[in-house]
C-alpha atoms as a PDB file:
ATOM      1  CA  MET A   1      -0.129   0.022   0.009  1.00  0.00           C
ATOM      2  CA  ALA A   2       2.954   2.393   0.807  1.00  0.00           C
ATOM      3  CA  GLY A   3       4.163   2.186  -2.721  1.00  0.00           C
ATOM      4  CA  THR A   4       0.631   3.074  -4.178  1.00  0.00           C
ATOM      5  CA  SER A   5       0.423   5.988  -1.958  1.00  0.00           C
ATOM      6  CA  SER A   6       3.911   7.193  -3.191  1.00  0.00           C
ATOM      7  CA  ALA A   7       2.896   6.654  -6.685  1.00  0.00           C
ATOM      8  CA  ILE A   8      -0.442   8.679  -6.350  1.00  0.00           C
ATOM      9  CA  VAL A   9       1.403  11.312  -4.486  1.00  0.00           C
ATOM     10  CA  ALA A  10       3.985  11.796  -7.294  1.00  0.00           C
ATOM     11  CA  GLY A  11       1.158  11.650  -9.686  1.00  0.00           C
ATOM     12  CA  LEU A  12      -0.579  14.489  -8.161  1.00  0.00           C
ATOM     13  CA  THR A  13       2.413  16.428  -7.812  1.00  0.00           C
ATOM     14  CA  ALA A  14       3.405  16.087 -11.428  1.00  0.00           C
ATOM     15  CA  ALA A  15      -0.165  17.234 -12.374  1.00  0.00           C
ATOM     16  CA  ALA A  16      -0.048  20.062 -10.035  1.00  0.00           C
ATOM     17  CA  LEU A  17       3.280  21.226 -11.329  1.00  0.00           C
ATOM     18  CA  ALA A  18       1.909  21.040 -15.067  1.00  0.00           C
ATOM     19  CA  THR A  19      -1.364  22.866 -14.296  1.00  0.00           C
ATOM     20  CA  ILE A  20       0.794  25.547 -12.453  1.00  0.00           C
ATOM     21  CA  GLY A  21       3.206  25.527 -15.460  1.00  0.00           C
ATOM     22  CA  TYR A  22       0.246  25.827 -18.009  1.00  0.00           C
ATOM     23  CA  LEU A  23      -1.555  28.706 -15.851  1.00  0.00           C
ATOM     24  CA  GLY A  24       1.671  30.608 -15.595  1.00  0.00           C
ATOM     25  CA  HIS A  25       2.201  30.620 -19.467  1.00  0.00           C
ATOM     26  CA  ARG A  26      -1.344  31.459 -19.962  1.00  0.00           C
ATOM     27  CA  ALA A  27      -0.972  34.489 -17.512  1.00  0.00           C
ATOM     28  CA  ALA A  28       2.323  35.634 -19.349  1.00  0.00           C
ATOM     29  CA  VAL A  29       0.894  35.703 -22.828  1.00  0.00           C
ATOM     30  CA  THR A  30      -2.709  37.307 -21.793  1.00  0.00           C
ATOM     31  CA  VAL A  31      -1.002  40.267 -19.770  1.00  0.00           C
ATOM     32  CA  PRO A  32      -2.778  43.567 -20.625  1.00  0.00           C
ATOM     33  CA  ASP A  33      -0.566  46.062 -22.551  1.00  0.00           C
ATOM     34  CA  GLY A  34      -0.658  48.575 -19.478  1.00  0.00           C
ATOM     35  CA  LEU A  35       0.823  45.679 -17.443  1.00  0.00           C
ATOM     36  CA  ARG A  36       3.505  44.528 -19.888  1.00  0.00           C
ATOM     37  CA  PRO A  37       7.333  45.735 -19.079  1.00  0.00           C
ATOM     38  CA  PRO A  38       8.118  48.530 -21.180  1.00  0.00           C
ATOM     39  CA  ALA A  39       9.576  47.914 -24.675  1.00  0.00           C
ATOM     40  CA  PRO A  40      13.139  48.107 -25.214  1.00  0.00           C
ATOM     41  CA  GLY A  41      14.271  51.687 -26.679  1.00  0.00           C
ATOM     42  CA  THR A  42      11.592  53.576 -24.922  1.00  0.00           C
ATOM     43  CA  ALA A  43      11.831  56.191 -22.152  1.00  0.00           C
ATOM     44  CA  ALA A  44       9.691  53.813 -19.842  1.00  0.00           C
ATOM     45  CA  ALA A  45      12.457  51.237 -20.552  1.00  0.00           C
ATOM     46  CA  VAL A  46      15.198  53.846 -19.343  1.00  0.00           C
ATOM     47  CA  HIS A  47      13.504  54.217 -16.189  1.00  0.00           C
ATOM     48  CA  GLU A  48      12.650  50.589 -15.549  1.00  0.00           C
ATOM     49  CA  ALA A  49      16.304  49.533 -16.389  1.00  0.00           C
ATOM     50  CA  LEU A  50      18.059  52.047 -14.693  1.00  0.00           C
ATOM     51  CA  ARG A  51      16.164  52.117 -11.124  1.00  0.00           C
ATOM     52  CA  ASP A  52      18.382  52.161  -8.310  1.00  0.00           C
ATOM     53  CA  ARG A  53      18.598  48.873  -6.814  1.00  0.00           C
ATOM     54  CA  ASN A  54      18.841  49.995  -3.101  1.00  0.00           C
ATOM     55  CA  HIS A  55      17.989  53.631  -2.230  1.00  0.00           C
ATOM     56  CA  PRO A  56      17.420  55.796  -5.363  1.00  0.00           C
ATOM     57  CA  ALA A  57      17.133  59.044  -3.548  1.00  0.00           C
ATOM     58  CA  ALA A  58      20.149  58.587  -1.366  1.00  0.00           C
ATOM     59  CA  LEU A  59      22.626  61.192  -2.373  1.00  0.00           C
ATOM     60  CA  PRO A  60      26.164  59.833  -2.654  1.00  0.00           C
ATOM     61  CA  ALA A  61      28.712  60.678   0.220  1.00  0.00           C
ATOM     62  CA  ARG A  62      31.410  62.894  -0.555  1.00  0.00           C
ATOM     63  CA  SER A  63      29.550  64.413  -3.635  1.00  0.00           C
ATOM     64  CA  GLY A  64      30.262  68.124  -2.798  1.00  0.00           C
ATOM     65  CA  THR A  65      28.199  70.877  -1.179  1.00  0.00           C
ATOM     66  CA  GLY A  66      25.990  73.698  -2.195  1.00  0.00           C
ATOM     67  CA  GLU A  67      23.788  73.801  -5.556  1.00  0.00           C
ATOM     68  CA  ARG A  68      24.907  71.051  -7.784  1.00  0.00           C
ATOM     69  CA  VAL A  69      24.188  68.095 -10.218  1.00  0.00           C
ATOM     70  CA  VAL A  70      25.597  64.989  -9.103  1.00  0.00           C
ATOM     71  CA  TYR A  71      26.240  62.153 -11.618  1.00  0.00           C
ATOM     72  CA  ALA A  72      26.971  58.690 -10.320  1.00  0.00           C
ATOM     73  CA  LEU A  73      28.640  56.491 -12.937  1.00  0.00           C
ATOM     74  CA  GLY A  74      28.147  53.230 -11.282  1.00  0.00           C
ATOM     75  CA  GLY A  75      24.327  53.701 -10.596  1.00  0.00           C
ATOM     76  CA  ASP A  76      23.647  55.880 -13.664  1.00  0.00           C
ATOM     77  CA  ARG A  77      21.752  58.294 -11.670  1.00  0.00           C
ATOM     78  CA  VAL A  78      21.447  61.950 -11.371  1.00  0.00           C
ATOM     79  CA  TRP A  79      20.578  64.134  -8.545  1.00  0.00           C
ATOM     80  CA  LEU A  80      19.704  67.843  -8.523  1.00  0.00           C
ATOM     81  CA  VAL A  81      20.728  69.282  -5.172  1.00  0.00           C
ATOM     82  CA  GLY A  82      19.665  72.574  -3.678  1.00  0.00           C
ATOM     83  CA  GLU A  83      21.775  75.066  -1.834  1.00  0.00           C
ATOM     84  CA  GLY A  84      21.043  73.537   1.498  1.00  0.00           C
ATOM     85  CA  GLY A  85      21.799  70.056   0.194  1.00  0.00           C
ATOM     86  CA  GLU A  86      18.312  69.015  -0.271  1.00  0.00           C
ATOM     87  CA  VAL A  87      17.729  66.565  -3.158  1.00  0.00           C
ATOM     88  CA  ARG A  88      15.221  68.404  -5.456  1.00  0.00           C
ATOM     89  CA  ARG A  89      14.996  65.490  -7.959  1.00  0.00           C
ATOM     90  CA  THR A  90      16.645  62.211  -8.627  1.00  0.00           C
ATOM     91  CA  PHE A  91      16.285  59.901 -11.829  1.00  0.00           C
ATOM     92  CA  GLY A  92      17.968  57.242 -13.724  1.00  0.00           C
ATOM     93  CA  VAL A  93      19.922  58.072 -16.948  1.00  0.00           C
ATOM     94  CA  SER A  94      21.209  56.115 -20.086  1.00  0.00           C
ATOM     95  CA  PRO A  95      24.849  56.521 -19.988  1.00  0.00           C
ATOM     96  CA  SER A  96      27.077  57.406 -23.037  1.00  0.00           C
ATOM     97  CA  THR A  97      29.778  55.157 -24.241  1.00  0.00           C
ATOM     98  CA  VAL A  98      32.297  57.574 -22.920  1.00  0.00           C
ATOM     99  CA  ASP A  99      32.487  58.822 -19.285  1.00  0.00           C
ATOM    100  CA  PRO A 100      34.092  61.566 -17.813  1.00  0.00           C
ATOM    101  CA  GLU A 101      36.544  61.039 -14.883  1.00  0.00           C
ATOM    102  CA  PRO A 102      35.220  61.383 -11.264  1.00  0.00           C
ATOM    103  CA  GLY A 103      35.593  65.134 -10.363  1.00  0.00           C
ATOM    104  CA  THR A 104      34.083  68.533 -10.206  1.00  0.00           C
ATOM    105  CA  TYR A 105      33.046  70.282 -13.553  1.00  0.00           C
ATOM    106  CA  ARG A 106      30.873  73.149 -14.478  1.00  0.00           C
ATOM    107  CA  VAL A 107      28.360  73.456 -17.065  1.00  0.00           C
ATOM    108  CA  THR A 108      30.043  75.095 -20.171  1.00  0.00           C
ATOM    109  CA  SER A 109      27.310  75.043 -22.907  1.00  0.00           C
ATOM    110  CA  ARG A 110      23.889  74.480 -23.552  1.00  0.00           C
ATOM    111  CA  SER A 111      21.696  73.848 -26.490  1.00  0.00           C
ATOM    112  CA  ALA A 112      17.727  73.866 -26.682  1.00  0.00           C
ATOM    113  CA  ALA A 113      17.425  71.485 -29.714  1.00  0.00           C
ATOM    114  CA  VAL A 114      20.016  69.799 -31.791  1.00  0.00           C
ATOM    115  CA  THR A 115      20.500  66.403 -33.406  1.00  0.00           C
ATOM    116  CA  GLY A 116      22.354  63.816 -31.421  1.00  0.00           C
ATOM    117  CA  SER A 117      25.462  61.853 -32.624  1.00  0.00           C
ATOM    118  CA  ASP A 118      23.105  58.778 -33.098  1.00  0.00           C
ATOM    119  CA  GLY A 119      20.880  60.865 -35.443  1.00  0.00           C
ATOM    120  CA  VAL A 120      18.272  61.443 -32.989  1.00  0.00           C
ATOM    121  CA  PRO A 121      16.637  64.958 -32.411  1.00  0.00           C
ATOM    122  CA  ILE A 122      17.444  65.664 -28.825  1.00  0.00           C
ATOM    123  CA  GLU A 123      16.589  68.702 -26.624  1.00  0.00           C
ATOM    124  CA  HIS A 124      17.510  70.400 -23.326  1.00  0.00           C
ATOM    125  CA  VAL A 125      21.252  69.517 -24.028  1.00  0.00           C
ATOM    126  CA  VAL A 126      23.579  70.466 -20.881  1.00  0.00           C
ATOM    127  CA  ARG A 127      27.212  69.882 -21.602  1.00  0.00           C
ATOM    128  CA  PHE A 128      29.913  69.960 -18.809  1.00  0.00           C
ATOM    129  CA  ALA A 129      32.916  68.103 -19.898  1.00  0.00           C
ATOM    130  CA  SER A 130      35.150  66.797 -22.912  1.00  0.00           C
ATOM    131  CA  VAL A 131      37.182  63.708 -22.934  1.00  0.00           C
ATOM    132  CA  ASP A 132      39.597  63.237 -26.067  1.00  0.00           C
ATOM    133  CA  GLY A 133      37.422  65.633 -28.200  1.00  0.00           C
ATOM    134  CA  THR A 134      34.056  63.960 -27.256  1.00  0.00           C
ATOM    135  CA  ALA A 135      31.708  66.463 -25.490  1.00  0.00           C
ATOM    136  CA  ILE A 136      30.025  64.931 -22.637  1.00  0.00           C
ATOM    137  CA  GLY A 137      26.514  66.236 -21.527  1.00  0.00           C
ATOM    138  CA  PHE A 138      22.819  65.504 -20.524  1.00  0.00           C
ATOM    139  CA  SER A 139      19.991  65.251 -23.050  1.00  0.00           C
ATOM    140  CA  ALA A 140      16.645  64.022 -23.896  1.00  0.00           C
ATOM    141  CA  ALA A 141      15.449  62.498 -27.244  1.00  0.00           C
ATOM    142  CA  VAL A 142      12.454  64.329 -28.536  1.00  0.00           C
ATOM    143  CA  ASP A 143      10.837  61.182 -29.591  1.00  0.00           C
ATOM    144  CA  GLY A 144      11.276  59.868 -25.827  1.00  0.00           C
ATOM    145  CA  SER A 145      13.731  56.958 -26.987  1.00  0.00           C
ATOM    146  CA  ALA A 146      16.703  55.453 -25.345  1.00  0.00           C
ATOM    147  CA  PRO A 147      19.852  55.319 -27.258  1.00  0.00           C
ATOM    148  CA  ARG A 148      20.998  52.135 -28.774  1.00  0.00           C
ATOM    149  CA  LEU A 149      24.747  52.403 -28.012  1.00  0.00           C
ATOM    150  CA  ASP A 150      27.367  50.820 -30.223  1.00  0.00           C
ATOM    151  CA  PRO A 151      30.492  50.253 -27.737  1.00  0.00           C
ATOM    152  CA  GLN A 152      32.622  50.903 -31.015  1.00  0.00           C
ATOM    153  CA  GLU A 153      31.258  54.685 -31.342  1.00  0.00           C
ATOM    154  CA  ARG A 154      32.388  57.415 -28.966  1.00  0.00           C
ATOM    155  CA  THR A 155      29.239  59.155 -27.933  1.00  0.00           C
ATOM    156  CA  GLY A 156      28.988  61.541 -24.753  1.00  0.00           C
ATOM    157  CA  GLY A 157      25.381  62.124 -24.640  1.00  0.00           C
ATOM    158  CA  ILE A 158      23.921  60.850 -21.370  1.00  0.00           C
ATOM    159  CA  ARG A 159      20.135  60.331 -22.129  1.00  0.00           C
ATOM    160  CA  GLU A 160      17.323  61.482 -19.832  1.00  0.00           C
ATOM    161  CA  THR A 161      13.551  61.263 -20.185  1.00  0.00           C
ATOM    162  CA  ARG A 162      12.075  64.495 -21.665  1.00  0.00           C
ATOM    163  CA  ALA A 163      10.485  65.356 -18.205  1.00  0.00           C
ATOM    164  CA  ASP A 164      14.049  64.841 -16.509  1.00  0.00           C
ATOM    165  CA  GLY A 165      15.474  66.665 -19.188  1.00  0.00           C
ATOM    166  CA  ALA A 166      13.311  69.642 -18.896  1.00  0.00           C
ATOM    167  CA  ALA A 167      14.099  69.707 -15.086  1.00  0.00           C
ATOM    168  CA  MET A 168      17.705  69.580 -15.908  1.00  0.00           C
ATOM    169  CA  TRP A 169      17.488  72.376 -18.251  1.00  0.00           C
ATOM    170  CA  GLY A 170      15.871  74.503 -15.641  1.00  0.00           C
ATOM    171  CA  PHE A 171      18.354  73.717 -13.093  1.00  0.00           C
ATOM    172  CA  ALA A 172      21.641  73.375 -14.863  1.00  0.00           C
ATOM    173  CA  THR A 173      22.547  76.738 -16.099  1.00  0.00           C
ATOM    174  CA  ILE A 174      25.936  77.960 -17.412  1.00  0.00           C
ATOM    175  CA  GLY A 175      28.432  77.731 -14.555  1.00  0.00           C
ATOM    176  CA  ARG A 176      26.409  75.280 -12.446  1.00  0.00           C
ATOM    177  CA  LYS A 177      28.648  72.928 -10.773  1.00  0.00           C
ATOM    178  CA  VAL A 178      28.493  69.108 -11.966  1.00  0.00           C
ATOM    179  CA  VAL A 179      29.959  66.605  -9.567  1.00  0.00           C
ATOM    180  CA  VAL A 180      30.750  63.208 -11.118  1.00  0.00           C
ATOM    181  CA  VAL A 181      31.212  60.042  -8.676  1.00  0.00           C
ATOM    182  CA  ARG A 182      31.873  56.421  -9.200  1.00  0.00           C
END
């Protein structure tokens, strides 16, 4: 009788696992569009992929004082910091293929609208560094897309969403301090 009970339990377990697998598959293929993960190359995908894993609003230690933009290379995150050290806004960004060295920079130029090195129209361009002739700066694609980076190309555009780009544009005027940290 013990052998029969084991066979029954094994059969029921197999049937339950098969049912769970089938139901999981059906759930995955019938997810409403509003609940699906964002499509690659969209601004929503930039936010989804670049969410800080632990504490997105935590300003990095030793990131300077006063009003400044803080850019964390390792976390692909930006903070707009007010005079008293309060974080006014933080958001994920899509990095460029060329990174500036950690250090303190100043916003050197801005462009309301240009075409990016990837051929995409961009707006709210805020430049703050140059690495071997490649200008480094923040920008937002007018169509809201994220860049498709080719590691063989030297690009300095740090892409943000349009809303984040507008916030950066209003905050990071010529001469504003930009602190780059690891």
